[in-house]
Amino acid sequence: MSGDSTPATGKILSSGSMERRKLGVPISDVVSHFGTSGMSVAAATGITHPLDVIKVRLQMQLVGQRGPLVGMGRLSLQVVESEGLKSLYLGLAPALTRSVLYGGLRLGLYEPSKYLCELAFGSTNILVKIASGAFSGAIATALTNPVEVLKVRLQMNTRSSLGPIHEMRRIASEEGVRALWKGVGPAMARAATLTASQLATYDESKQALIKYTHLEEGFHLHLISSTIAGTVSTLMTAPMDMVKTRLMLQRESSCAGMYRNGLHCAYQVLRAEGPSGLYKGGLTIFARLAPQTMITFVLCEKLRGLAGLKAI
């Protein structure tokens, strides 16, 4: 392509315009860029949230023990029978809040990061895309970790009826403000891996499909590329997702002792529960992440088109 895109908007500029462009961009373009990302992730989160609740419950099975695990279908029925259908939507408010903030930052920072890497290294190869995705995912998670902790706590706390604000105050008063950043290391590692694998795979898949098939920009291309991205990111991030959940739910994991950090948690899980322990809830992660990835990218591409932005 004989042009390039601005870091915040993705709108195409000619080579001559690139030399003359200003560093600043219209605030409306920035809002559109981050807004389309946040809205698409929030929509995908709202649809797949019940699977996220089940995933957390599966990851907290037999903490510190080996034994037969209850499967996704059976556990879903048990949760609905004992706690009611509304239990599948525990933590929905912080989940949606986090989706808008985290999703907007995670997807919104990817292209500016990729653009800056291109300016620095003169290339947008797969390594640049992986680095850009890792950076944007890690930064987004570091900033939104308290909302993630709150979401996970509410998903496990069936007795709380006072809402997310009260729960956040309770965590801060009883465990200290630092508790809101529990698991931030593994969460950043997971988000970096997730965003890098998800966005880089989606980006590369689109290019390969356009090059080697008759597919063009549109629904079918976006759907196939996002399906591939969802599969790859699930395989890459399931163990880190497990470690992140265990650290954020330290009190519920007290029977296995306190985890000092992500590596200690992973070691304890491997030693006490075996390698399969790191993939507890793995099928549910895939059942949630694959459609969430598809919904996110298909919707984001559509919203970007309506906002006058070029495709990812």
C-alpha atoms as a PDB file:
ATOM      1  CA  MET A   1       0.000   0.000   0.000  1.00  0.00           C
ATOM      2  CA  SER A   2       1.363   3.439  -0.942  1.00  0.00           C
ATOM      3  CA  GLY A   3       0.162   5.185   2.165  1.00  0.00           C
ATOM      4  CA  ASP A   4       0.109   4.666   5.903  1.00  0.00           C
ATOM      5  CA  SER A   5      -2.178   5.299   8.830  1.00  0.00           C
ATOM      6  CA  THR A   6      -2.173   7.718  11.722  1.00  0.00           C
ATOM      7  CA  PRO A   7      -1.356   6.153  15.088  1.00  0.00           C
ATOM      8  CA  ALA A   8      -4.653   6.930  16.745  1.00  0.00           C
ATOM      9  CA  THR A   9      -7.188   6.699  13.959  1.00  0.00           C
ATOM     10  CA  GLY A  10      -5.952   4.253  11.394  1.00  0.00           C
ATOM     11  CA  LYS A  11      -7.024   6.611   8.582  1.00  0.00           C
ATOM     12  CA  ILE A  12      -4.925   6.361   5.455  1.00  0.00           C
ATOM     13  CA  LEU A  13      -2.541   9.138   4.520  1.00  0.00           C
ATOM     14  CA  SER A  14      -0.519   9.453   1.332  1.00  0.00           C
ATOM     15  CA  SER A  15       3.293   9.301   1.516  1.00  0.00           C
ATOM     16  CA  GLY A  16       3.494  13.031   0.926  1.00  0.00           C
ATOM     17  CA  SER A  17       0.989  13.745   3.642  1.00  0.00           C
ATOM     18  CA  MET A  18       2.944  11.550   6.039  1.00  0.00           C
ATOM     19  CA  GLU A  19       5.917  13.873   5.793  1.00  0.00           C
ATOM     20  CA  ARG A  20       3.773  16.906   6.513  1.00  0.00           C
ATOM     21  CA  ARG A  21       1.414  15.468   9.155  1.00  0.00           C
ATOM     22  CA  LYS A  22       1.217  16.916  12.631  1.00  0.00           C
ATOM     23  CA  LEU A  23       1.623  14.888  15.778  1.00  0.00           C
ATOM     24  CA  GLY A  24      -1.799  15.896  17.050  1.00  0.00           C
ATOM     25  CA  VAL A  25      -5.039  14.205  15.973  1.00  0.00           C
ATOM     26  CA  PRO A  26      -8.651  15.318  16.407  1.00  0.00           C
ATOM     27  CA  ILE A  27     -10.107  14.294  19.749  1.00  0.00           C
ATOM     28  CA  SER A  28     -13.156  12.906  17.934  1.00  0.00           C
ATOM     29  CA  ASP A  29     -10.934  10.428  16.089  1.00  0.00           C
ATOM     30  CA  VAL A  30      -9.302   9.306  19.334  1.00  0.00           C
ATOM     31  CA  VAL A  31     -12.723   8.812  20.938  1.00  0.00           C
ATOM     32  CA  SER A  32     -13.917   6.845  17.903  1.00  0.00           C
ATOM     33  CA  HIS A  33     -10.810   4.679  17.907  1.00  0.00           C
ATOM     34  CA  PHE A  34     -11.003   3.718  21.597  1.00  0.00           C
ATOM     35  CA  GLY A  35     -14.799   3.794  21.712  1.00  0.00           C
ATOM     36  CA  THR A  36     -15.275   1.210  18.961  1.00  0.00           C
ATOM     37  CA  SER A  37     -12.814  -1.095  20.726  1.00  0.00           C
ATOM     38  CA  GLY A  38     -14.438  -0.719  24.142  1.00  0.00           C
ATOM     39  CA  MET A  39     -17.984  -1.144  22.830  1.00  0.00           C
ATOM     40  CA  SER A  40     -17.147  -4.303  20.886  1.00  0.00           C
ATOM     41  CA  VAL A  41     -15.399  -5.946  23.870  1.00  0.00           C
ATOM     42  CA  ALA A  42     -18.249  -4.962  26.225  1.00  0.00           C
ATOM     43  CA  ALA A  43     -20.855  -6.483  23.873  1.00  0.00           C
ATOM     44  CA  ALA A  44     -18.858  -9.725  23.621  1.00  0.00           C
ATOM     45  CA  THR A  45     -18.401  -9.809  27.412  1.00  0.00           C
ATOM     46  CA  GLY A  46     -22.121  -9.365  28.079  1.00  0.00           C
ATOM     47  CA  ILE A  47     -22.955 -12.310  25.829  1.00  0.00           C
ATOM     48  CA  THR A  48     -20.285 -14.683  27.174  1.00  0.00           C
ATOM     49  CA  HIS A  49     -20.325 -13.674  30.872  1.00  0.00           C
ATOM     50  CA  PRO A  50     -22.103 -16.823  32.152  1.00  0.00           C
ATOM     51  CA  LEU A  51     -19.240 -18.898  30.755  1.00  0.00           C
ATOM     52  CA  ASP A  52     -16.777 -16.671  32.610  1.00  0.00           C
ATOM     53  CA  VAL A  53     -18.589 -17.393  35.897  1.00  0.00           C
ATOM     54  CA  ILE A  54     -18.443 -21.140  35.211  1.00  0.00           C
ATOM     55  CA  LYS A  55     -14.776 -20.878  34.245  1.00  0.00           C
ATOM     56  CA  VAL A  56     -13.883 -19.290  37.606  1.00  0.00           C
ATOM     57  CA  ARG A  57     -15.865 -21.944  39.499  1.00  0.00           C
ATOM     58  CA  LEU A  58     -14.099 -24.722  37.556  1.00  0.00           C
ATOM     59  CA  GLN A  59     -10.681 -23.217  38.276  1.00  0.00           C
ATOM     60  CA  MET A  60     -11.428 -23.265  42.014  1.00  0.00           C
ATOM     61  CA  GLN A  61     -12.276 -26.983  42.101  1.00  0.00           C
ATOM     62  CA  LEU A  62     -10.173 -29.229  44.373  1.00  0.00           C
ATOM     63  CA  VAL A  63      -7.682 -26.516  45.263  1.00  0.00           C
ATOM     64  CA  GLY A  64      -4.469 -28.214  46.347  1.00  0.00           C
ATOM     65  CA  GLN A  65      -5.847 -31.680  45.601  1.00  0.00           C
ATOM     66  CA  ARG A  66      -5.966 -34.252  42.810  1.00  0.00           C
ATOM     67  CA  GLY A  67      -9.207 -35.955  41.902  1.00  0.00           C
ATOM     68  CA  PRO A  68     -12.044 -36.214  39.386  1.00  0.00           C
ATOM     69  CA  LEU A  69     -13.334 -32.834  38.267  1.00  0.00           C
ATOM     70  CA  VAL A  70     -16.898 -31.817  37.594  1.00  0.00           C
ATOM     71  CA  GLY A  71     -17.323 -30.891  33.925  1.00  0.00           C
ATOM     72  CA  MET A  72     -18.611 -27.640  32.473  1.00  0.00           C
ATOM     73  CA  GLY A  73     -22.139 -28.917  31.730  1.00  0.00           C
ATOM     74  CA  ARG A  74     -22.690 -30.613  35.071  1.00  0.00           C
ATOM     75  CA  LEU A  75     -21.288 -27.685  37.053  1.00  0.00           C
ATOM     76  CA  SER A  76     -23.514 -25.261  35.126  1.00  0.00           C
ATOM     77  CA  LEU A  77     -26.588 -27.294  36.100  1.00  0.00           C
ATOM     78  CA  GLN A  78     -25.449 -27.475  39.730  1.00  0.00           C
ATOM     79  CA  VAL A  79     -24.917 -23.716  39.913  1.00  0.00           C
ATOM     80  CA  VAL A  80     -28.316 -22.946  38.377  1.00  0.00           C
ATOM     81  CA  GLU A  81     -30.115 -25.483  40.585  1.00  0.00           C
ATOM     82  CA  SER A  82     -28.512 -24.347  43.851  1.00  0.00           C
ATOM     83  CA  GLU A  83     -28.105 -20.615  43.263  1.00  0.00           C
ATOM     84  CA  GLY A  84     -30.573 -19.747  40.521  1.00  0.00           C
ATOM     85  CA  LEU A  85     -30.114 -18.517  36.966  1.00  0.00           C
ATOM     86  CA  LYS A  86     -29.061 -15.046  38.148  1.00  0.00           C
ATOM     87  CA  SER A  87     -25.875 -16.557  39.619  1.00  0.00           C
ATOM     88  CA  LEU A  88     -24.540 -16.897  36.072  1.00  0.00           C
ATOM     89  CA  TYR A  89     -24.458 -13.101  35.933  1.00  0.00           C
ATOM     90  CA  LEU A  90     -22.580 -12.486  39.188  1.00  0.00           C
ATOM     91  CA  GLY A  91     -19.989  -9.749  38.697  1.00  0.00           C
ATOM     92  CA  LEU A  92     -21.562  -8.533  35.448  1.00  0.00           C
ATOM     93  CA  ALA A  93     -21.350  -4.817  36.353  1.00  0.00           C
ATOM     94  CA  PRO A  94     -17.575  -4.784  36.989  1.00  0.00           C
ATOM     95  CA  ALA A  95     -17.098  -7.120  34.014  1.00  0.00           C
ATOM     96  CA  LEU A  96     -18.779  -4.636  31.674  1.00  0.00           C
ATOM     97  CA  THR A  97     -16.950  -1.696  33.260  1.00  0.00           C
ATOM     98  CA  ARG A  98     -13.643  -3.472  32.820  1.00  0.00           C
ATOM     99  CA  SER A  99     -14.528  -4.426  29.246  1.00  0.00           C
ATOM    100  CA  VAL A 100     -15.038  -0.823  28.200  1.00  0.00           C
ATOM    101  CA  LEU A 101     -11.812   0.352  29.866  1.00  0.00           C
ATOM    102  CA  TYR A 102      -9.640  -2.706  29.263  1.00  0.00           C
ATOM    103  CA  GLY A 103     -11.045  -3.431  25.816  1.00  0.00           C
ATOM    104  CA  GLY A 104     -10.719   0.154  24.684  1.00  0.00           C
ATOM    105  CA  LEU A 105      -7.119   0.341  25.870  1.00  0.00           C
ATOM    106  CA  ARG A 106      -6.096  -3.158  24.760  1.00  0.00           C
ATOM    107  CA  LEU A 107      -7.364  -2.871  21.194  1.00  0.00           C
ATOM    108  CA  GLY A 108      -7.042   0.899  21.033  1.00  0.00           C
ATOM    109  CA  LEU A 109      -3.322   0.922  21.870  1.00  0.00           C
ATOM    110  CA  TYR A 110      -2.424  -1.873  19.439  1.00  0.00           C
ATOM    111  CA  GLU A 111      -2.328   0.166  16.249  1.00  0.00           C
ATOM    112  CA  PRO A 112      -0.528   3.201  17.744  1.00  0.00           C
ATOM    113  CA  SER A 113       2.057   0.780  19.229  1.00  0.00           C
ATOM    114  CA  LYS A 114       2.447  -0.967  15.884  1.00  0.00           C
ATOM    115  CA  TYR A 115       2.767   2.405  14.160  1.00  0.00           C
ATOM    116  CA  LEU A 116       5.501   3.578  16.545  1.00  0.00           C
ATOM    117  CA  CYS A 117       7.383   0.298  16.072  1.00  0.00           C
ATOM    118  CA  GLU A 118       7.183   0.815  12.317  1.00  0.00           C
ATOM    119  CA  LEU A 119       8.659   4.292  12.684  1.00  0.00           C
ATOM    120  CA  ALA A 120      11.431   2.944  14.919  1.00  0.00           C
ATOM    121  CA  PHE A 121      12.269  -0.268  13.050  1.00  0.00           C
ATOM    122  CA  GLY A 122      10.851   0.336   9.577  1.00  0.00           C
ATOM    123  CA  SER A 123       8.780  -2.860   9.641  1.00  0.00           C
ATOM    124  CA  THR A 124       5.422  -4.287  10.724  1.00  0.00           C
ATOM    125  CA  ASN A 125       6.388  -7.971  10.661  1.00  0.00           C
ATOM    126  CA  ILE A 126       4.946 -10.609  12.978  1.00  0.00           C
ATOM    127  CA  LEU A 127       7.441  -9.819  15.767  1.00  0.00           C
ATOM    128  CA  VAL A 128       6.392  -6.155  15.761  1.00  0.00           C
ATOM    129  CA  LYS A 129       2.742  -7.183  15.942  1.00  0.00           C
ATOM    130  CA  ILE A 130       3.450  -9.541  18.852  1.00  0.00           C
ATOM    131  CA  ALA A 131       5.398  -6.842  20.713  1.00  0.00           C
ATOM    132  CA  SER A 132       2.675  -4.239  20.090  1.00  0.00           C
ATOM    133  CA  GLY A 133      -0.038  -6.601  21.303  1.00  0.00           C
ATOM    134  CA  ALA A 134       1.939  -7.599  24.393  1.00  0.00           C
ATOM    135  CA  PHE A 135       2.573  -3.964  25.330  1.00  0.00           C
ATOM    136  CA  SER A 136      -1.038  -2.828  24.887  1.00  0.00           C
ATOM    137  CA  GLY A 137      -2.431  -5.841  26.772  1.00  0.00           C
ATOM    138  CA  ALA A 138      -0.047  -5.477  29.719  1.00  0.00           C
ATOM    139  CA  ILE A 139      -0.675  -1.727  30.105  1.00  0.00           C
ATOM    140  CA  ALA A 140      -4.457  -2.152  29.871  1.00  0.00           C
ATOM    141  CA  THR A 141      -4.464  -4.853  32.552  1.00  0.00           C
ATOM    142  CA  ALA A 142      -2.165  -2.976  34.933  1.00  0.00           C
ATOM    143  CA  LEU A 143      -4.605  -0.050  34.895  1.00  0.00           C
ATOM    144  CA  THR A 144      -7.799  -2.117  35.264  1.00  0.00           C
ATOM    145  CA  ASN A 145      -6.685  -4.912  37.633  1.00  0.00           C
ATOM    146  CA  PRO A 146      -8.828  -3.705  40.600  1.00  0.00           C
ATOM    147  CA  VAL A 147     -11.990  -4.122  38.525  1.00  0.00           C
ATOM    148  CA  GLU A 148     -10.873  -7.634  37.534  1.00  0.00           C
ATOM    149  CA  VAL A 149     -10.265  -8.571  41.188  1.00  0.00           C
ATOM    150  CA  LEU A 150     -13.709  -7.227  42.060  1.00  0.00           C
ATOM    151  CA  LYS A 151     -15.339  -9.202  39.238  1.00  0.00           C
ATOM    152  CA  VAL A 152     -13.709 -12.498  40.244  1.00  0.00           C
ATOM    153  CA  ARG A 153     -14.557 -12.001  43.941  1.00  0.00           C
ATOM    154  CA  LEU A 154     -18.217 -11.350  43.117  1.00  0.00           C
ATOM    155  CA  GLN A 155     -18.357 -14.402  40.851  1.00  0.00           C
ATOM    156  CA  MET A 156     -17.355 -16.612  43.791  1.00  0.00           C
ATOM    157  CA  ASN A 157     -19.206 -14.721  46.546  1.00  0.00           C
ATOM    158  CA  THR A 158     -22.793 -15.920  46.332  1.00  0.00           C
ATOM    159  CA  ARG A 159     -23.662 -14.397  49.726  1.00  0.00           C
ATOM    160  CA  SER A 160     -22.898 -10.783  48.842  1.00  0.00           C
ATOM    161  CA  SER A 161     -25.957  -8.725  47.921  1.00  0.00           C
ATOM    162  CA  LEU A 162     -24.633  -5.233  48.536  1.00  0.00           C
ATOM    163  CA  GLY A 163     -23.134  -4.636  45.113  1.00  0.00           C
ATOM    164  CA  PRO A 164     -19.685  -4.008  43.645  1.00  0.00           C
ATOM    165  CA  ILE A 165     -18.982  -0.702  45.416  1.00  0.00           C
ATOM    166  CA  HIS A 166     -19.523  -2.269  48.846  1.00  0.00           C
ATOM    167  CA  GLU A 167     -17.414  -5.278  47.889  1.00  0.00           C
ATOM    168  CA  MET A 168     -14.544  -3.057  46.747  1.00  0.00           C
ATOM    169  CA  ARG A 169     -14.683  -1.101  50.008  1.00  0.00           C
ATOM    170  CA  ARG A 170     -14.721  -4.362  51.972  1.00  0.00           C
ATOM    171  CA  ILE A 171     -11.652  -5.697  50.148  1.00  0.00           C
ATOM    172  CA  ALA A 172      -9.761  -2.424  50.684  1.00  0.00           C
ATOM    173  CA  SER A 173     -10.671  -2.166  54.383  1.00  0.00           C
ATOM    174  CA  GLU A 174     -10.117  -5.823  55.335  1.00  0.00           C
ATOM    175  CA  GLU A 175      -7.163  -6.697  53.109  1.00  0.00           C
ATOM    176  CA  GLY A 176      -5.691  -3.311  52.237  1.00  0.00           C
ATOM    177  CA  VAL A 177      -5.710  -1.341  48.996  1.00  0.00           C
ATOM    178  CA  ARG A 178      -2.871  -3.505  47.657  1.00  0.00           C
ATOM    179  CA  ALA A 179      -5.311  -6.431  47.561  1.00  0.00           C
ATOM    180  CA  LEU A 180      -6.955  -4.786  44.554  1.00  0.00           C
ATOM    181  CA  TRP A 181      -3.747  -5.506  42.641  1.00  0.00           C
ATOM    182  CA  LYS A 182      -3.536  -9.164  43.643  1.00  0.00           C
ATOM    183  CA  GLY A 183      -2.488 -11.280  40.704  1.00  0.00           C
ATOM    184  CA  VAL A 184      -1.486  -8.260  38.636  1.00  0.00           C
ATOM    185  CA  GLY A 185       1.748  -9.950  37.497  1.00  0.00           C
ATOM    186  CA  PRO A 186       0.105 -13.070  36.037  1.00  0.00           C
ATOM    187  CA  ALA A 187      -2.803 -10.923  34.824  1.00  0.00           C
ATOM    188  CA  MET A 188      -0.383  -8.708  32.882  1.00  0.00           C
ATOM    189  CA  ALA A 189       1.434 -11.769  31.535  1.00  0.00           C
ATOM    190  CA  ARG A 190      -1.880 -13.300  30.490  1.00  0.00           C
ATOM    191  CA  ALA A 191      -3.123 -10.086  28.903  1.00  0.00           C
ATOM    192  CA  ALA A 192       0.171  -9.562  27.096  1.00  0.00           C
ATOM    193  CA  THR A 193       0.085 -13.128  25.775  1.00  0.00           C
ATOM    194  CA  LEU A 194      -3.635 -12.931  24.979  1.00  0.00           C
ATOM    195  CA  THR A 195      -3.431  -9.636  23.133  1.00  0.00           C
ATOM    196  CA  ALA A 196      -0.219 -10.559  21.324  1.00  0.00           C
ATOM    197  CA  SER A 197      -1.520 -13.955  20.197  1.00  0.00           C
ATOM    198  CA  GLN A 198      -5.041 -12.703  19.506  1.00  0.00           C
ATOM    199  CA  LEU A 199      -4.241  -9.544  17.559  1.00  0.00           C
ATOM    200  CA  ALA A 200      -1.103 -10.797  15.826  1.00  0.00           C
ATOM    201  CA  THR A 201      -2.841 -14.033  14.787  1.00  0.00           C
ATOM    202  CA  TYR A 202      -5.924 -12.131  13.614  1.00  0.00           C
ATOM    203  CA  ASP A 203      -3.789  -9.635  11.706  1.00  0.00           C
ATOM    204  CA  GLU A 204      -1.618 -12.318  10.066  1.00  0.00           C
ATOM    205  CA  SER A 205      -4.595 -14.611   9.344  1.00  0.00           C
ATOM    206  CA  LYS A 206      -6.385 -11.812   7.519  1.00  0.00           C
ATOM    207  CA  GLN A 207      -3.356 -11.075   5.380  1.00  0.00           C
ATOM    208  CA  ALA A 208      -2.822 -14.774   4.566  1.00  0.00           C
ATOM    209  CA  LEU A 209      -6.489 -15.344   3.729  1.00  0.00           C
ATOM    210  CA  ILE A 210      -6.613 -12.274   1.489  1.00  0.00           C
ATOM    211  CA  LYS A 211      -3.413 -13.378  -0.239  1.00  0.00           C
ATOM    212  CA  TYR A 212      -4.157 -17.092  -0.723  1.00  0.00           C
ATOM    213  CA  THR A 213      -7.970 -17.180  -0.990  1.00  0.00           C
ATOM    214  CA  HIS A 214     -10.697 -15.185  -2.708  1.00  0.00           C
ATOM    215  CA  LEU A 215     -11.828 -13.616   0.570  1.00  0.00           C
ATOM    216  CA  GLU A 216     -11.936  -9.827   0.832  1.00  0.00           C
ATOM    217  CA  GLU A 217     -12.571  -7.414   3.710  1.00  0.00           C
ATOM    218  CA  GLY A 218     -15.968  -8.321   5.110  1.00  0.00           C
ATOM    219  CA  PHE A 219     -17.893 -10.547   7.484  1.00  0.00           C
ATOM    220  CA  HIS A 220     -16.586 -13.937   6.308  1.00  0.00           C
ATOM    221  CA  LEU A 221     -12.932 -12.841   6.416  1.00  0.00           C
ATOM    222  CA  HIS A 222     -13.376 -11.326   9.876  1.00  0.00           C
ATOM    223  CA  LEU A 223     -15.224 -14.410  11.168  1.00  0.00           C
ATOM    224  CA  ILE A 224     -12.624 -16.943   9.979  1.00  0.00           C
ATOM    225  CA  SER A 225      -9.669 -14.835  11.135  1.00  0.00           C
ATOM    226  CA  SER A 226     -11.189 -14.264  14.580  1.00  0.00           C
ATOM    227  CA  THR A 227     -11.954 -17.986  14.968  1.00  0.00           C
ATOM    228  CA  ILE A 228      -8.296 -18.814  14.330  1.00  0.00           C
ATOM    229  CA  ALA A 229      -7.217 -16.058  16.742  1.00  0.00           C
ATOM    230  CA  GLY A 230      -9.575 -17.298  19.473  1.00  0.00           C
ATOM    231  CA  THR A 231      -8.252 -20.858  19.234  1.00  0.00           C
ATOM    232  CA  VAL A 232      -4.589 -19.828  19.388  1.00  0.00           C
ATOM    233  CA  SER A 233      -5.095 -17.391  22.274  1.00  0.00           C
ATOM    234  CA  THR A 234      -6.980 -20.007  24.345  1.00  0.00           C
ATOM    235  CA  LEU A 235      -4.125 -22.504  24.098  1.00  0.00           C
ATOM    236  CA  MET A 236      -1.588 -19.809  24.986  1.00  0.00           C
ATOM    237  CA  THR A 237      -3.345 -18.244  27.962  1.00  0.00           C
ATOM    238  CA  ALA A 238      -5.250 -20.988  29.846  1.00  0.00           C
ATOM    239  CA  PRO A 239      -2.475 -21.729  32.429  1.00  0.00           C
ATOM    240  CA  MET A 240      -1.920 -18.014  33.107  1.00  0.00           C
ATOM    241  CA  ASP A 241      -5.659 -17.501  33.486  1.00  0.00           C
ATOM    242  CA  MET A 242      -5.707 -20.235  36.130  1.00  0.00           C
ATOM    243  CA  VAL A 243      -2.814 -18.696  38.088  1.00  0.00           C
ATOM    244  CA  LYS A 244      -4.386 -15.230  37.885  1.00  0.00           C
ATOM    245  CA  THR A 245      -7.707 -16.508  39.251  1.00  0.00           C
ATOM    246  CA  ARG A 246      -6.079 -18.399  42.141  1.00  0.00           C
ATOM    247  CA  LEU A 247      -4.058 -15.336  43.202  1.00  0.00           C
ATOM    248  CA  MET A 248      -7.084 -13.060  43.080  1.00  0.00           C
ATOM    249  CA  LEU A 249      -9.028 -15.547  45.225  1.00  0.00           C
ATOM    250  CA  GLN A 250      -6.353 -16.100  47.881  1.00  0.00           C
ATOM    251  CA  ARG A 251      -8.837 -16.528  50.709  1.00  0.00           C
ATOM    252  CA  GLU A 252     -10.763 -19.210  48.867  1.00  0.00           C
ATOM    253  CA  SER A 253      -7.410 -20.943  48.191  1.00  0.00           C
ATOM    254  CA  SER A 254      -6.339 -20.919  51.860  1.00  0.00           C
ATOM    255  CA  CYS A 255      -6.427 -24.727  52.066  1.00  0.00           C
ATOM    256  CA  ALA A 256      -3.434 -24.810  49.703  1.00  0.00           C
ATOM    257  CA  GLY A 257      -1.533 -22.124  51.589  1.00  0.00           C
ATOM    258  CA  MET A 258      -0.772 -18.601  50.454  1.00  0.00           C
ATOM    259  CA  TYR A 259       0.737 -18.141  47.039  1.00  0.00           C
ATOM    260  CA  ARG A 260       3.707 -15.757  47.123  1.00  0.00           C
ATOM    261  CA  ASN A 261       3.600 -14.885  43.420  1.00  0.00           C
ATOM    262  CA  GLY A 262       2.614 -16.248  40.036  1.00  0.00           C
ATOM    263  CA  LEU A 263       5.534 -18.680  39.715  1.00  0.00           C
ATOM    264  CA  HIS A 264       4.956 -20.042  43.229  1.00  0.00           C
ATOM    265  CA  CYS A 265       1.267 -20.491  42.467  1.00  0.00           C
ATOM    266  CA  ALA A 266       2.032 -22.356  39.218  1.00  0.00           C
ATOM    267  CA  TYR A 267       4.534 -24.598  41.051  1.00  0.00           C
ATOM    268  CA  GLN A 268       2.050 -25.352  43.833  1.00  0.00           C
ATOM    269  CA  VAL A 269      -0.687 -26.214  41.335  1.00  0.00           C
ATOM    270  CA  LEU A 270       1.664 -28.488  39.369  1.00  0.00           C
ATOM    271  CA  ARG A 271       2.928 -30.215  42.515  1.00  0.00           C
ATOM    272  CA  ALA A 272      -0.445 -30.716  44.203  1.00  0.00           C
ATOM    273  CA  GLU A 273      -2.848 -31.028  41.264  1.00  0.00           C
ATOM    274  CA  GLY A 274      -0.683 -32.149  38.365  1.00  0.00           C
ATOM    275  CA  PRO A 275      -0.180 -30.582  34.904  1.00  0.00           C
ATOM    276  CA  SER A 276      -3.910 -30.823  34.171  1.00  0.00           C
ATOM    277  CA  GLY A 277      -4.466 -28.474  37.125  1.00  0.00           C
ATOM    278  CA  LEU A 278      -3.167 -25.569  35.050  1.00  0.00           C
ATOM    279  CA  TYR A 279      -5.847 -26.298  32.463  1.00  0.00           C
ATOM    280  CA  LYS A 280      -8.816 -26.547  34.798  1.00  0.00           C
ATOM    281  CA  GLY A 281     -11.693 -24.813  33.070  1.00  0.00           C
ATOM    282  CA  GLY A 282      -9.766 -24.981  29.783  1.00  0.00           C
ATOM    283  CA  LEU A 283     -12.780 -26.124  27.756  1.00  0.00           C
ATOM    284  CA  THR A 284     -14.864 -23.345  29.273  1.00  0.00           C
ATOM    285  CA  ILE A 285     -12.112 -20.831  28.507  1.00  0.00           C
ATOM    286  CA  PHE A 286     -12.247 -21.927  24.872  1.00  0.00           C
ATOM    287  CA  ALA A 287     -16.071 -21.963  24.856  1.00  0.00           C
ATOM    288  CA  ARG A 288     -15.991 -18.376  26.126  1.00  0.00           C
ATOM    289  CA  LEU A 289     -12.892 -16.927  24.469  1.00  0.00           C
ATOM    290  CA  ALA A 290     -13.496 -18.270  20.954  1.00  0.00           C
ATOM    291  CA  PRO A 291     -16.973 -16.690  20.523  1.00  0.00           C
ATOM    292  CA  GLN A 292     -15.887 -13.607  22.479  1.00  0.00           C
ATOM    293  CA  THR A 293     -12.985 -13.122  20.069  1.00  0.00           C
ATOM    294  CA  MET A 294     -15.281 -13.598  17.071  1.00  0.00           C
ATOM    295  CA  ILE A 295     -17.905 -11.174  18.386  1.00  0.00           C
ATOM    296  CA  THR A 296     -15.256  -8.629  19.382  1.00  0.00           C
ATOM    297  CA  PHE A 297     -13.454  -8.511  16.042  1.00  0.00           C
ATOM    298  CA  VAL A 298     -16.509  -8.794  13.787  1.00  0.00           C
ATOM    299  CA  LEU A 299     -18.319  -6.047  15.723  1.00  0.00           C
ATOM    300  CA  CYS A 300     -15.190  -3.893  16.061  1.00  0.00           C
ATOM    301  CA  GLU A 301     -14.537  -4.052  12.310  1.00  0.00           C
ATOM    302  CA  LYS A 302     -18.156  -3.047  11.630  1.00  0.00           C
ATOM    303  CA  LEU A 303     -18.052  -0.156  14.109  1.00  0.00           C
ATOM    304  CA  ARG A 304     -14.707   1.018  12.700  1.00  0.00           C
ATOM    305  CA  GLY A 305     -16.240   1.086   9.243  1.00  0.00           C
ATOM    306  CA  LEU A 306     -19.197   3.147  10.487  1.00  0.00           C
ATOM    307  CA  ALA A 307     -16.783   5.523  12.269  1.00  0.00           C
ATOM    308  CA  GLY A 308     -14.714   6.009   9.107  1.00  0.00           C
ATOM    309  CA  LEU A 309     -11.685   4.072  10.380  1.00  0.00           C
ATOM    310  CA  LYS A 310      -9.819   1.543   8.279  1.00  0.00           C
ATOM    311  CA  ALA A 311      -9.948  -2.175   9.117  1.00  0.00           C
ATOM    312  CA  ILE A 312      -7.604  -3.585  11.753  1.00  0.00           C
END
